[in-house]
Amino acid sequence: MKNRIIENRSSAKTFLQTTGSLLFIAGILGYSGKLSMPAYLSYSAAGIGILLTIASAFKK
């Protein structure tokens, strides 16, 4: 039972890191004009991506 909880935590951590990096990449692409999205959306996507990646790095 304990091992299953630890596995779920690590998969959630990798999920957070993947989501964070994808949001960050999407924000950069939106800012550089590759994706057609508003500037505030690309800024917030990049910011949320950075925060998610940092938060998942410190969570154990």
C-alpha atoms as a PDB file:
ATOM      1  CA  MET A   1       0.000   0.000   0.000  1.00  0.00           C
ATOM      2  CA  LYS A   2       2.774   2.417   0.895  1.00  0.00           C
ATOM      3  CA  ASN A   3       4.669   1.738  -2.339  1.00  0.00           C
ATOM      4  CA  ARG A   4       1.566   2.515  -4.377  1.00  0.00           C
ATOM      5  CA  ILE A   5       1.225   5.928  -2.730  1.00  0.00           C
ATOM      6  CA  ILE A   6       4.885   6.718  -3.426  1.00  0.00           C
ATOM      7  CA  GLU A   7       4.457   5.671  -7.072  1.00  0.00           C
ATOM      8  CA  ASN A   8       1.417   7.927  -7.404  1.00  0.00           C
ATOM      9  CA  ARG A   9       3.353  10.835  -5.956  1.00  0.00           C
ATOM     10  CA  SER A  10       6.253  10.404  -8.337  1.00  0.00           C
ATOM     11  CA  SER A  11       3.940  10.124 -11.338  1.00  0.00           C
ATOM     12  CA  ALA A  12       2.116  13.263 -10.200  1.00  0.00           C
ATOM     13  CA  LYS A  13       5.491  14.990  -9.886  1.00  0.00           C
ATOM     14  CA  THR A  14       6.514  14.051 -13.421  1.00  0.00           C
ATOM     15  CA  PHE A  15       3.057  15.078 -14.638  1.00  0.00           C
ATOM     16  CA  LEU A  16       3.492  18.491 -13.005  1.00  0.00           C
ATOM     17  CA  GLN A  17       6.957  18.902 -14.499  1.00  0.00           C
ATOM     18  CA  THR A  18       5.749  17.904 -17.970  1.00  0.00           C
ATOM     19  CA  THR A  19       2.745  20.219 -17.769  1.00  0.00           C
ATOM     20  CA  GLY A  20       4.927  23.048 -16.504  1.00  0.00           C
ATOM     21  CA  SER A  21       7.479  22.711 -19.255  1.00  0.00           C
ATOM     22  CA  LEU A  22       4.774  22.406 -21.922  1.00  0.00           C
ATOM     23  CA  LEU A  23       3.060  25.563 -20.638  1.00  0.00           C
ATOM     24  CA  PHE A  24       6.402  27.360 -20.560  1.00  0.00           C
ATOM     25  CA  ILE A  25       7.181  26.341 -24.155  1.00  0.00           C
ATOM     26  CA  ALA A  26       3.683  27.367 -25.242  1.00  0.00           C
ATOM     27  CA  GLY A  27       4.147  30.736 -23.544  1.00  0.00           C
ATOM     28  CA  ILE A  28       7.467  31.344 -25.275  1.00  0.00           C
ATOM     29  CA  LEU A  29       6.031  30.315 -28.652  1.00  0.00           C
ATOM     30  CA  GLY A  30       3.029  32.567 -28.119  1.00  0.00           C
ATOM     31  CA  TYR A  31       5.275  35.472 -27.179  1.00  0.00           C
ATOM     32  CA  SER A  32       7.507  35.040 -30.212  1.00  0.00           C
ATOM     33  CA  GLY A  33       4.461  34.905 -32.470  1.00  0.00           C
ATOM     34  CA  LYS A  34       4.553  31.236 -33.489  1.00  0.00           C
ATOM     35  CA  LEU A  35       1.202  30.570 -31.833  1.00  0.00           C
ATOM     36  CA  SER A  36      -1.679  32.973 -32.350  1.00  0.00           C
ATOM     37  CA  MET A  37      -2.475  33.808 -28.753  1.00  0.00           C
ATOM     38  CA  PRO A  38      -2.793  37.096 -26.857  1.00  0.00           C
ATOM     39  CA  ALA A  39       0.261  38.451 -25.063  1.00  0.00           C
ATOM     40  CA  TYR A  40      -1.235  38.181 -21.571  1.00  0.00           C
ATOM     41  CA  LEU A  41      -2.090  34.529 -22.227  1.00  0.00           C
ATOM     42  CA  SER A  42       1.451  33.685 -23.303  1.00  0.00           C
ATOM     43  CA  TYR A  43       2.899  35.561 -20.314  1.00  0.00           C
ATOM     44  CA  SER A  44       0.619  33.766 -17.868  1.00  0.00           C
ATOM     45  CA  ALA A  45       1.262  30.381 -19.515  1.00  0.00           C
ATOM     46  CA  ALA A  46       5.024  30.865 -19.228  1.00  0.00           C
ATOM     47  CA  GLY A  47       4.724  32.040 -15.623  1.00  0.00           C
ATOM     48  CA  ILE A  48       2.478  29.160 -14.592  1.00  0.00           C
ATOM     49  CA  GLY A  49       4.825  26.746 -16.342  1.00  0.00           C
ATOM     50  CA  ILE A  50       7.828  28.053 -14.424  1.00  0.00           C
ATOM     51  CA  LEU A  51       5.924  27.934 -11.126  1.00  0.00           C
ATOM     52  CA  LEU A  52       4.714  24.369 -11.741  1.00  0.00           C
ATOM     53  CA  THR A  53       8.193  23.172 -12.626  1.00  0.00           C
ATOM     54  CA  ILE A  54       9.743  24.817  -9.554  1.00  0.00           C
ATOM     55  CA  ALA A  55       6.977  23.567  -7.256  1.00  0.00           C
ATOM     56  CA  SER A  56       7.291  20.010  -8.515  1.00  0.00           C
ATOM     57  CA  ALA A  57      11.060  20.146  -8.042  1.00  0.00           C
ATOM     58  CA  PHE A  58      10.679  20.978  -4.340  1.00  0.00           C
ATOM     59  CA  LYS A  59       7.824  18.565  -3.630  1.00  0.00           C
ATOM     60  CA  LYS A  60       8.893  15.163  -2.403  1.00  0.00           C
END
